[in-house]
Amino acid sequence: MQRHAAAVPGQAAVAGQFAAFIAAHRDCCERSLAEGHLTGSAWLVSRDGRRVLLTHHRKLGKWLQLGGHADGDHDLARVALREAEEESGLRDLVVEPELFDLDCHWIPPRKEDAGHYHWDMRYVVRATGDESFTVSDESHALAWREVRELVDEPGLDESVRRMAARWLERER
């Protein structure tokens, strides 16, 4: 967390909150932690870095990055890569080991699941092979989107717009 806070000063406070959450909960990677748990997400970019693959999330009903539950795995970069592969059907993906973004957000109650927080650790995952995806059961749709277009897109999740802006700044 300290390296991320130093690399992305605008996220220093949230990095501190993540560090405190992790220190306070040995089971922070388990869904069974009722108040919330760590998740791993992928900012899945195309080979040329101009596009990102987004999912129209089935449960949340909005366009987001790919990702999901750690289910006990404390290597959140590995979780992000696994989720990207499972949710897109893409192979030949490469994950960068450094954190790209942090976001803690509320997940509303649904059926038997109480409302809780996702402490989402996000990593850059790059497509290196075929970019033809398959839509999984977790999505209504997937789409490659031009990163430049996402920065100011009305109605898009603020954290996706933030990652788009960070990506464009990084790739300058």
Protein backbone atom coordinates (compact mmCIF):
# COMPACT_ATOMS: atom_id res chain seq x y z
CA MET A 1 0.00 0.00 0.00
CA GLN A 2 2.85 2.38 0.77
CA ARG A 3 4.27 2.04 -2.75
CA HIS A 4 0.86 2.74 -4.27
CA ALA A 5 0.37 5.77 -2.01
CA ALA A 6 3.78 7.11 -3.07
CA ALA A 7 3.13 6.43 -6.77
CA VAL A 8 -0.43 7.81 -6.74
CA PRO A 9 -0.52 10.59 -4.10
CA GLY A 10 -4.21 11.21 -4.78
CA GLN A 11 -4.91 7.76 -3.37
CA ALA A 12 -2.70 8.01 -0.26
CA ALA A 13 -5.67 8.33 2.10
CA VAL A 14 -7.58 5.41 0.60
CA ALA A 15 -4.36 3.32 0.63
CA GLY A 16 -4.16 4.00 4.37
CA GLN A 17 -7.76 2.87 4.80
CA PHE A 18 -7.03 -0.34 2.88
CA ALA A 19 -3.94 -1.02 4.99
CA ALA A 20 -5.96 -0.54 8.19
CA PHE A 21 -8.76 -2.81 6.93
CA ILE A 22 -6.29 -5.56 5.99
CA ALA A 23 -4.45 -5.26 9.33
CA ALA A 24 -7.74 -5.48 11.26
CA HIS A 25 -9.12 -8.56 9.44
CA ARG A 26 -7.07 -11.71 8.97
CA ASP A 27 -10.00 -13.04 6.92
CA CYS A 28 -10.14 -9.95 4.64
CA CYS A 29 -10.03 -12.15 1.51
CA GLU A 30 -13.05 -14.25 2.48
CA ARG A 31 -16.61 -13.55 1.33
CA SER A 32 -17.76 -14.66 4.76
CA LEU A 33 -16.45 -11.43 6.31
CA ALA A 34 -19.86 -9.82 6.71
CA GLU A 35 -18.86 -6.15 6.63
CA GLY A 36 -16.91 -6.57 3.41
CA HIS A 37 -13.87 -8.17 1.81
CA LEU A 38 -11.06 -7.69 -0.66
CA THR A 39 -11.76 -8.14 -4.36
CA GLY A 40 -9.43 -8.08 -7.35
CA SER A 41 -10.24 -6.27 -10.59
CA ALA A 42 -8.63 -5.94 -14.00
CA TRP A 43 -8.16 -2.78 -16.03
CA LEU A 44 -7.99 -5.01 -19.10
CA VAL A 45 -6.37 -3.09 -21.94
CA SER A 46 -5.89 -4.02 -25.56
CA ARG A 47 -2.46 -4.74 -27.04
CA ASP A 48 -2.20 -1.16 -28.30
CA GLY A 49 -3.36 0.29 -24.96
CA ARG A 50 -6.08 2.41 -26.56
CA ARG A 51 -9.08 0.32 -25.50
CA VAL A 52 -10.30 -1.29 -22.28
CA LEU A 53 -12.69 -4.23 -21.97
CA LEU A 54 -15.71 -3.40 -19.81
CA THR A 55 -18.54 -5.59 -18.62
CA HIS A 56 -22.17 -4.62 -18.26
CA HIS A 57 -22.38 -6.27 -14.85
CA ARG A 58 -25.39 -8.56 -14.51
CA LYS A 59 -25.99 -7.97 -10.78
CA LEU A 60 -25.13 -4.27 -10.58
CA GLY A 61 -26.56 -3.25 -13.96
CA LYS A 62 -23.76 -0.90 -15.00
CA TRP A 63 -20.57 -0.82 -17.05
CA LEU A 64 -17.53 -1.72 -14.94
CA GLN A 65 -14.10 -3.30 -15.13
CA LEU A 66 -13.84 -7.09 -14.87
CA GLY A 67 -13.16 -8.54 -11.43
CA GLY A 68 -14.40 -10.51 -8.51
CA HIS A 69 -13.94 -12.17 -5.15
CA ALA A 70 -10.58 -13.28 -3.79
CA ASP A 71 -12.09 -16.39 -2.15
CA GLY A 72 -9.14 -16.74 0.21
CA ASP A 73 -6.39 -15.85 -2.28
CA HIS A 74 -4.22 -13.07 -0.86
CA ASP A 75 -2.50 -12.47 -4.22
CA LEU A 76 -4.95 -9.91 -5.61
CA ALA A 77 -2.99 -9.50 -8.86
CA ARG A 78 -3.55 -13.22 -9.47
CA VAL A 79 -7.23 -12.77 -8.59
CA ALA A 80 -7.53 -9.93 -11.13
CA LEU A 81 -5.91 -12.07 -13.83
CA ARG A 82 -8.11 -15.09 -13.02
CA GLU A 83 -11.28 -13.00 -13.07
CA ALA A 84 -10.30 -11.35 -16.36
CA GLU A 85 -9.80 -14.76 -17.95
CA GLU A 86 -12.99 -16.24 -16.51
CA GLU A 87 -15.21 -13.27 -17.36
CA SER A 88 -13.86 -12.62 -20.88
CA GLY A 89 -12.70 -16.00 -22.16
CA LEU A 90 -9.47 -14.28 -23.25
CA ARG A 91 -6.14 -16.04 -22.97
CA ASP A 92 -2.61 -14.72 -23.33
CA LEU A 93 -3.24 -12.06 -20.70
CA VAL A 94 -0.43 -10.52 -18.65
CA VAL A 95 -0.97 -8.82 -15.30
CA GLU A 96 1.25 -6.03 -14.00
CA PRO A 97 2.28 -6.70 -10.38
CA GLU A 98 1.86 -3.12 -9.09
CA LEU A 99 -1.51 -1.77 -7.99
CA PHE A 100 -3.19 0.53 -10.49
CA ASP A 101 -6.18 1.74 -8.47
CA LEU A 102 -7.99 1.25 -5.16
CA ASP A 103 -11.71 1.65 -4.62
CA CYS A 104 -13.96 0.80 -1.69
CA HIS A 105 -17.62 0.72 -2.70
CA TRP A 106 -20.93 -0.45 -1.27
CA ILE A 107 -22.63 -3.54 -2.69
CA PRO A 108 -26.38 -3.35 -2.00
CA PRO A 109 -28.24 -6.31 -0.47
CA ARG A 110 -29.39 -8.90 -2.97
CA LYS A 111 -31.40 -12.05 -2.29
CA GLU A 112 -29.62 -13.88 0.56
CA ASP A 113 -26.58 -11.55 0.58
CA ALA A 114 -26.58 -8.64 3.00
CA GLY A 115 -25.18 -5.30 1.86
CA HIS A 116 -21.41 -5.07 2.30
CA TYR A 117 -18.28 -3.31 1.05
CA HIS A 118 -15.95 -4.43 -1.70
CA TRP A 119 -12.39 -3.30 -1.00
CA ASP A 120 -11.35 -3.50 -4.64
CA MET A 121 -7.68 -3.73 -5.59
CA ARG A 122 -7.28 -3.06 -9.30
CA TYR A 123 -4.45 -4.14 -11.59
CA VAL A 124 -3.55 -3.51 -15.20
CA VAL A 125 -4.03 -6.63 -17.28
CA ARG A 126 -2.90 -6.48 -20.90
CA ALA A 127 -4.21 -8.58 -23.79
CA THR A 128 -1.29 -9.96 -25.79
CA GLY A 129 -3.13 -12.33 -28.14
CA ASP A 130 -6.53 -12.66 -29.76
CA GLU A 131 -8.93 -10.00 -28.42
CA SER A 132 -12.15 -11.84 -29.30
CA PHE A 133 -14.05 -12.26 -26.04
CA THR A 134 -16.85 -14.48 -24.79
CA VAL A 135 -19.59 -13.10 -22.53
CA SER A 136 -19.87 -15.02 -19.25
CA ASP A 137 -22.93 -15.56 -17.06
CA GLU A 138 -21.78 -12.63 -14.89
CA SER A 139 -22.35 -10.09 -17.66
CA HIS A 140 -25.14 -8.80 -19.83
CA ALA A 141 -22.48 -7.76 -22.36
CA LEU A 142 -18.79 -7.03 -22.83
CA ALA A 143 -17.37 -4.26 -25.00
CA TRP A 144 -13.96 -2.93 -25.98
CA ARG A 145 -14.19 0.82 -25.35
CA GLU A 146 -11.82 3.61 -26.35
CA VAL A 147 -10.24 4.79 -23.09
CA ARG A 148 -10.27 8.42 -24.27
CA GLU A 149 -14.07 8.36 -24.57
CA LEU A 150 -14.60 7.12 -21.01
CA VAL A 151 -13.07 10.07 -19.14
CA ASP A 152 -16.07 12.34 -19.61
CA GLU A 153 -18.83 9.82 -20.30
CA PRO A 154 -21.97 10.87 -18.40
CA GLY A 155 -23.46 8.20 -16.16
CA LEU A 156 -20.35 6.02 -16.17
CA ASP A 157 -19.10 4.90 -12.77
CA GLU A 158 -16.77 7.55 -11.34
CA SER A 159 -14.06 5.00 -10.59
CA VAL A 160 -14.00 3.84 -14.23
CA ARG A 161 -13.64 7.45 -15.36
CA ARG A 162 -10.83 7.91 -12.79
CA MET A 163 -8.98 4.84 -14.09
CA ALA A 164 -9.41 6.03 -17.68
CA ALA A 165 -7.87 9.40 -16.79
CA ARG A 166 -5.03 7.72 -14.90
CA TRP A 167 -4.37 5.39 -17.85
CA LEU A 168 -4.21 8.27 -20.32
CA GLU A 169 -1.84 10.18 -18.04
CA ARG A 170 0.36 7.12 -17.63
CA GLU A 171 0.50 6.39 -21.36
CA ARG A 172 1.56 9.93 -22.35
